Protein backbone atom coordinates (compact mmCIF):
# COMPACT_ATOMS: atom_id res chain seq x y z
CA MET A 1 -0.57 -0.38 -0.13
CA ASN A 2 1.13 3.70 -0.98
CA TRP A 3 1.11 6.58 1.43
CA ASP A 4 -2.16 7.54 0.05
CA GLY A 5 -3.49 4.21 0.76
CA GLU A 6 -3.96 3.17 -2.72
CA THR A 7 -2.68 -0.11 -3.61
CA ASP A 8 -1.16 1.32 -7.14
CA PHE A 9 -0.17 4.36 -9.25
CA ASP A 10 -2.22 4.01 -11.36
CA ALA A 11 -5.58 4.39 -8.83
CA PHE A 12 -3.41 7.13 -7.52
CA VAL A 13 -3.63 8.56 -10.59
CA ARG A 14 -7.29 8.16 -11.37
CA GLY A 15 -7.97 9.92 -7.99
CA TRP A 16 -5.74 13.22 -8.50
CA GLN A 17 -7.64 13.36 -12.41
CA GLN A 18 -10.73 13.47 -10.38
CA ALA A 19 -9.71 15.81 -8.10
CA THR A 20 -8.41 17.85 -10.57
CA ALA A 21 -12.02 17.58 -12.64
CA ASP A 22 -13.54 18.17 -9.17
CA ARG A 23 -12.76 20.25 -6.88
CA ASP A 24 -14.96 19.10 -3.98
CA TYR A 25 -14.28 14.91 -4.68
CA LEU A 26 -13.12 13.95 -1.57
CA PRO A 27 -10.46 11.30 -1.91
CA ARG A 28 -9.41 7.75 0.31
CA VAL A 29 -7.16 9.81 2.26
CA GLY A 30 -7.41 13.50 2.47
CA ASP A 31 -9.03 16.93 1.47
CA SER A 32 -10.85 17.99 -1.57
CA SER A 33 -9.09 20.50 -3.85
CA ARG A 34 -11.24 23.02 -2.33
CA ALA A 35 -10.84 22.49 1.50
CA ALA A 36 -7.11 21.92 0.78
CA GLY A 37 -6.78 25.06 -0.96
CA ALA A 38 -9.00 27.19 1.49
CA ARG A 39 -6.90 25.03 4.49
CA SER A 40 -3.51 26.58 3.17
CA TRP A 41 -5.23 29.99 2.53
CA LYS A 42 -5.97 30.09 6.01
CA ARG A 43 -3.16 29.14 7.42
CA SER A 44 -0.30 30.93 5.41
CA VAL A 45 -1.67 33.25 3.11
CA ASN A 46 -4.28 35.05 5.18
CA GLY A 47 -2.27 34.43 8.39
CA ALA A 48 -0.08 36.94 7.69
CA GLY A 49 -2.41 38.98 9.16
CA GLU A 50 -3.22 42.88 9.41
CA LYS A 51 0.67 43.68 9.07
CA ARG A 52 1.32 42.03 6.11
CA ARG A 53 3.99 40.03 7.51
CA PRO A 54 6.21 37.93 4.76
CA VAL A 55 4.87 34.48 5.24
CA ILE A 56 6.76 30.95 4.42
CA ALA A 57 5.02 28.38 3.78
CA VAL A 58 6.67 24.93 2.55
CA ALA A 59 3.91 22.00 0.92
CA HIS A 60 3.15 19.92 -1.79
CA GLY A 61 2.91 20.88 -5.45
CA GLY A 62 -0.51 19.07 -5.37
CA VAL A 63 -1.59 21.58 -2.36
CA THR A 64 0.32 24.29 -4.08
CA VAL A 65 -1.49 24.04 -7.31
CA ASP A 66 -4.88 23.94 -4.87
CA LEU A 67 -4.08 27.35 -3.24
CA LEU A 68 -3.42 28.90 -6.78
CA ARG A 69 -6.77 27.59 -7.94
CA THR A 70 -8.60 28.70 -4.75
CA ILE A 71 -6.95 32.68 -5.19
CA LEU A 72 -6.57 33.05 -8.78
CA GLY A 73 -9.37 31.04 -10.46
CA ASP A 74 -9.32 27.89 -12.29
CA ALA A 75 -9.31 30.13 -15.42
CA THR A 76 -5.85 31.95 -14.90
CA VAL A 77 -4.05 29.08 -13.61
CA GLU A 78 -4.59 26.86 -17.09
CA GLU A 79 -3.48 30.44 -19.18
CA CYS A 80 -1.00 31.08 -17.24
CA TRP A 81 0.44 27.24 -16.76
CA PRO A 82 -1.62 25.26 -19.29
CA THR A 83 0.23 22.09 -17.87
CA LEU A 84 0.24 22.30 -14.04
CA LEU A 85 -3.50 21.19 -13.33
CA ASN A 86 -2.99 17.68 -15.07
CA ASP A 87 1.03 17.51 -14.50
CA GLY A 88 1.19 19.27 -11.12
CA ALA A 89 4.45 20.79 -9.80
CA PRO A 90 7.78 19.13 -10.20
CA GLY A 91 9.09 18.07 -7.57
CA CYS A 92 11.16 20.09 -4.70
CA ALA A 93 9.45 23.09 -7.08
CA LEU A 94 9.78 26.53 -5.75
CA ARG A 95 6.15 29.02 -6.13
CA ARG A 96 6.51 32.62 -4.68
CA LEU A 97 3.54 34.39 -4.20
CA ILE A 98 3.26 38.27 -3.14
CA TYR A 99 0.11 39.78 -1.70
CA ARG A 100 -0.06 43.59 -2.05
CA ASN A 101 -3.10 45.46 -1.41
CA ASP A 102 -4.66 45.15 -4.74
CA GLY A 103 -4.08 41.43 -5.37
CA PHE A 104 -1.91 39.03 -5.69
CA VAL A 105 1.61 39.28 -8.10
CA VAL A 106 2.48 35.86 -9.08
CA GLU A 107 6.38 35.78 -9.17
CA SER A 108 7.33 32.17 -9.91
CA VAL A 109 5.09 28.60 -10.37
CA ALA A 110 7.28 25.43 -10.74
CA ASP A 111 10.23 27.10 -10.95
CA VAL A 112 12.82 24.54 -10.91
CA GLY A 113 15.89 26.92 -11.88
CA HIS A 114 17.51 26.08 -8.62
CA LEU A 115 18.30 22.74 -8.86
């Protein structure tokens, strides 16, 4: 059995595809995409508070995609990073989002230049 409770990689991929297509799909283990994005928002980005202090959030690529979908919307994610929803972010990739008074500025997503 794998870490996600599935017995094979194909089952994991099917679950990923289902969660990508339906943000409210609840996999056998873990949260829906919508719940993971909301939790990430609450714990990291919104956690900056009124002082807008910097926040460093460390997350798996899938959770980062869930967060991007939550704050930017699927249409923007698909337009800016056409393969991200289906392929996810590469391992050890960096993401940098900056919150300003007028909204988010995404400086990088799936950046592996440091590797």
